Amino acid sequence: HRLWSRIESGWWLSFIVSYHPLLSLSLSLSLSLLSIIFNLVPFQEMETFLFTSESVNEGHPDKLCDQVSDAMLDACLAQDPESKVACETCTKTNMVMVFGEITTKANVDYEKIVRDTCR
């Protein structure tokens, strides 16, 4: 083990994720990947872990993107409960892009869902 044999608190892990120069490019690294990077005790042996989530205010583009992705999922599941939806939504001025994988037997008007959600 390097400097740490294990992480004692979620705060320290948060500090590593936020301030370590190698990790500043991607904050979506899993805890198990962090344990590999830092040669820590495997994730399943750790006693504590940090649960992170993102919170944005009303009107933030992420809120709209989440609503569009959720509407896509809801529309597919309403017609086909066996649907598999792994889509992401991205916005730019006057543009909404939906990308990913959708496996469904449902007949869904994706453009209409995007337009209705954005209104």
C-alpha atoms as a PDB file:
ATOM      1  CA  HIS A   1       0.000   0.000   0.000  1.00  0.00           C
ATOM      2  CA  ARG A   2       1.128   3.495  -0.678  1.00  0.00           C
ATOM      3  CA  LEU A   3       0.390   6.397   1.603  1.00  0.00           C
ATOM      4  CA  TRP A   4      -3.033   5.222   2.776  1.00  0.00           C
ATOM      5  CA  SER A   5      -3.944   1.691   3.733  1.00  0.00           C
ATOM      6  CA  ARG A   6      -7.607   2.631   3.624  1.00  0.00           C
ATOM      7  CA  ILE A   7      -9.813   5.695   3.593  1.00  0.00           C
ATOM      8  CA  GLU A   8     -11.071   6.612   7.047  1.00  0.00           C
ATOM      9  CA  SER A   9     -13.742   9.132   6.111  1.00  0.00           C
ATOM     10  CA  GLY A  10     -15.858  10.175   3.182  1.00  0.00           C
ATOM     11  CA  TRP A  11     -14.482  13.703   3.520  1.00  0.00           C
ATOM     12  CA  TRP A  12     -10.960  12.534   2.687  1.00  0.00           C
ATOM     13  CA  LEU A  13     -12.191  10.675  -0.373  1.00  0.00           C
ATOM     14  CA  SER A  14     -14.042  13.784  -1.459  1.00  0.00           C
ATOM     15  CA  PHE A  15     -10.808  15.747  -1.067  1.00  0.00           C
ATOM     16  CA  ILE A  16      -8.916  13.227  -3.200  1.00  0.00           C
ATOM     17  CA  VAL A  17     -11.516  13.326  -5.978  1.00  0.00           C
ATOM     18  CA  SER A  18     -11.744  17.108  -5.988  1.00  0.00           C
ATOM     19  CA  TYR A  19      -8.104  18.060  -5.655  1.00  0.00           C
ATOM     20  CA  HIS A  20      -5.949  15.258  -7.029  1.00  0.00           C
ATOM     21  CA  PRO A  21      -4.609  16.527 -10.392  1.00  0.00           C
ATOM     22  CA  LEU A  22      -4.989  13.169 -12.142  1.00  0.00           C
ATOM     23  CA  LEU A  23      -8.650  12.938 -11.207  1.00  0.00           C
ATOM     24  CA  SER A  24      -9.688  16.495 -11.972  1.00  0.00           C
ATOM     25  CA  LEU A  25     -10.556  15.520 -15.564  1.00  0.00           C
ATOM     26  CA  SER A  26     -13.285  13.097 -14.575  1.00  0.00           C
ATOM     27  CA  LEU A  27     -15.267  13.136 -11.365  1.00  0.00           C
ATOM     28  CA  SER A  28     -17.286  10.121 -12.433  1.00  0.00           C
ATOM     29  CA  LEU A  29     -14.642   7.594 -11.421  1.00  0.00           C
ATOM     30  CA  SER A  30     -16.065   4.810  -9.318  1.00  0.00           C
ATOM     31  CA  LEU A  31     -14.820   4.164  -5.808  1.00  0.00           C
ATOM     32  CA  SER A  32     -13.487   0.787  -6.852  1.00  0.00           C
ATOM     33  CA  LEU A  33     -11.446   2.472  -9.599  1.00  0.00           C
ATOM     34  CA  LEU A  34     -10.100   4.942  -7.046  1.00  0.00           C
ATOM     35  CA  SER A  35      -8.971   2.053  -4.875  1.00  0.00           C
ATOM     36  CA  ILE A  36      -7.057   0.613  -7.835  1.00  0.00           C
ATOM     37  CA  ILE A  37      -5.473   3.964  -8.709  1.00  0.00           C
ATOM     38  CA  PHE A  38      -4.268   4.543  -5.158  1.00  0.00           C
ATOM     39  CA  ASN A  39      -3.483   0.880  -4.421  1.00  0.00           C
ATOM     40  CA  LEU A  40      -5.974   0.918  -1.564  1.00  0.00           C
ATOM     41  CA  VAL A  41      -7.782  -1.948   0.074  1.00  0.00           C
ATOM     42  CA  PRO A  42     -10.367  -3.343  -2.398  1.00  0.00           C
ATOM     43  CA  PHE A  43     -13.708  -1.553  -2.282  1.00  0.00           C
ATOM     44  CA  GLN A  44     -15.635  -4.420  -0.699  1.00  0.00           C
ATOM     45  CA  GLU A  45     -13.252  -4.403   2.293  1.00  0.00           C
ATOM     46  CA  MET A  46     -13.627  -0.681   2.994  1.00  0.00           C
ATOM     47  CA  GLU A  47     -15.691   0.189   6.056  1.00  0.00           C
ATOM     48  CA  THR A  48     -16.853   3.603   4.857  1.00  0.00           C
ATOM     49  CA  PHE A  49     -17.533   5.132   1.492  1.00  0.00           C
ATOM     50  CA  LEU A  50     -18.722   8.406   0.043  1.00  0.00           C
ATOM     51  CA  PHE A  51     -22.015   8.654  -1.795  1.00  0.00           C
ATOM     52  CA  THR A  52     -21.986  11.632  -4.134  1.00  0.00           C
ATOM     53  CA  SER A  53     -24.735  13.299  -6.081  1.00  0.00           C
ATOM     54  CA  GLU A  54     -25.141  16.402  -8.160  1.00  0.00           C
ATOM     55  CA  SER A  55     -27.533  19.182  -7.232  1.00  0.00           C
ATOM     56  CA  VAL A  56     -28.357  22.066  -9.552  1.00  0.00           C
ATOM     57  CA  ASN A  57     -30.813  24.928  -9.253  1.00  0.00           C
ATOM     58  CA  GLU A  58     -34.012  25.466 -11.210  1.00  0.00           C
ATOM     59  CA  GLY A  59     -33.387  26.524 -14.803  1.00  0.00           C
ATOM     60  CA  HIS A  60     -30.005  24.785 -15.035  1.00  0.00           C
ATOM     61  CA  PRO A  61     -29.529  22.936 -18.367  1.00  0.00           C
ATOM     62  CA  ASP A  62     -28.901  19.674 -16.481  1.00  0.00           C
ATOM     63  CA  LYS A  63     -32.473  19.797 -15.154  1.00  0.00           C
ATOM     64  CA  LEU A  64     -33.856  20.014 -18.688  1.00  0.00           C
ATOM     65  CA  CYS A  65     -31.541  17.248 -19.901  1.00  0.00           C
ATOM     66  CA  ASP A  66     -32.631  14.964 -17.063  1.00  0.00           C
ATOM     67  CA  GLN A  67     -36.295  15.693 -17.821  1.00  0.00           C
ATOM     68  CA  VAL A  68     -35.843  14.820 -21.503  1.00  0.00           C
ATOM     69  CA  SER A  69     -34.017  11.574 -20.697  1.00  0.00           C
ATOM     70  CA  ASP A  70     -36.679  10.663 -18.125  1.00  0.00           C
ATOM     71  CA  ALA A  71     -39.457  11.404 -20.633  1.00  0.00           C
ATOM     72  CA  MET A  72     -37.772   9.115 -23.182  1.00  0.00           C
ATOM     73  CA  LEU A  73     -37.623   6.324 -20.623  1.00  0.00           C
ATOM     74  CA  ASP A  74     -41.236   6.862 -19.521  1.00  0.00           C
ATOM     75  CA  ALA A  75     -42.512   6.849 -23.121  1.00  0.00           C
ATOM     76  CA  CYS A  76     -40.711   3.609 -23.930  1.00  0.00           C
ATOM     77  CA  LEU A  77     -41.777   1.847 -20.729  1.00  0.00           C
ATOM     78  CA  ALA A  78     -45.404   2.957 -21.164  1.00  0.00           C
ATOM     79  CA  GLN A  79     -45.647   0.950 -24.403  1.00  0.00           C
ATOM     80  CA  ASP A  80     -43.063  -1.764 -23.743  1.00  0.00           C
ATOM     81  CA  PRO A  81     -42.246  -2.662 -20.117  1.00  0.00           C
ATOM     82  CA  GLU A  82     -39.245  -4.668 -21.373  1.00  0.00           C
ATOM     83  CA  SER A  83     -37.600  -1.566 -22.885  1.00  0.00           C
ATOM     84  CA  LYS A  84     -33.920  -0.954 -22.238  1.00  0.00           C
ATOM     85  CA  VAL A  85     -33.051   2.744 -22.274  1.00  0.00           C
ATOM     86  CA  ALA A  86     -29.562   4.145 -21.762  1.00  0.00           C
ATOM     87  CA  CYS A  87     -29.805   7.628 -23.203  1.00  0.00           C
ATOM     88  CA  GLU A  88     -28.135  10.913 -22.408  1.00  0.00           C
ATOM     89  CA  THR A  89     -29.289  14.370 -23.357  1.00  0.00           C
ATOM     90  CA  CYS A  90     -27.125  17.366 -24.178  1.00  0.00           C
ATOM     91  CA  THR A  91     -28.265  20.931 -24.824  1.00  0.00           C
ATOM     92  CA  LYS A  92     -26.755  23.898 -26.582  1.00  0.00           C
ATOM     93  CA  THR A  93     -28.401  27.140 -27.636  1.00  0.00           C
ATOM     94  CA  ASN A  94     -31.450  26.195 -29.743  1.00  0.00           C
ATOM     95  CA  MET A  95     -30.381  22.542 -29.898  1.00  0.00           C
ATOM     96  CA  VAL A  96     -31.137  19.363 -27.961  1.00  0.00           C
ATOM     97  CA  MET A  97     -29.217  16.160 -28.685  1.00  0.00           C
ATOM     98  CA  VAL A  98     -30.282  12.760 -27.394  1.00  0.00           C
ATOM     99  CA  PHE A  99     -27.808   9.935 -27.770  1.00  0.00           C
ATOM    100  CA  GLY A 100     -27.198   6.486 -26.379  1.00  0.00           C
ATOM    101  CA  GLU A 101     -28.904   3.129 -26.767  1.00  0.00           C
ATOM    102  CA  ILE A 102     -32.640   2.432 -26.754  1.00  0.00           C
ATOM    103  CA  THR A 103     -33.914  -1.095 -27.276  1.00  0.00           C
ATOM    104  CA  THR A 104     -37.701  -1.221 -27.396  1.00  0.00           C
ATOM    105  CA  LYS A 105     -40.681  -2.506 -29.344  1.00  0.00           C
ATOM    106  CA  ALA A 106     -42.488   0.772 -28.653  1.00  0.00           C
ATOM    107  CA  ASN A 107     -43.310   3.238 -31.409  1.00  0.00           C
ATOM    108  CA  VAL A 108     -42.031   6.480 -29.897  1.00  0.00           C
ATOM    109  CA  ASP A 109     -41.941   9.947 -31.477  1.00  0.00           C
ATOM    110  CA  TYR A 110     -38.646  11.117 -29.965  1.00  0.00           C
ATOM    111  CA  GLU A 111     -38.777  14.591 -31.501  1.00  0.00           C
ATOM    112  CA  LYS A 112     -42.245  15.190 -30.035  1.00  0.00           C
ATOM    113  CA  ILE A 113     -41.054  14.073 -26.601  1.00  0.00           C
ATOM    114  CA  VAL A 114     -38.142  16.525 -26.737  1.00  0.00           C
ATOM    115  CA  ARG A 115     -40.347  19.404 -27.910  1.00  0.00           C
ATOM    116  CA  ASP A 116     -43.070  18.723 -25.330  1.00  0.00           C
ATOM    117  CA  THR A 117     -40.548  18.436 -22.513  1.00  0.00           C
ATOM    118  CA  CYS A 118     -38.815  21.697 -23.446  1.00  0.00           C
ATOM    119  CA  ARG A 119     -42.075  23.680 -23.425  1.00  0.00           C
END
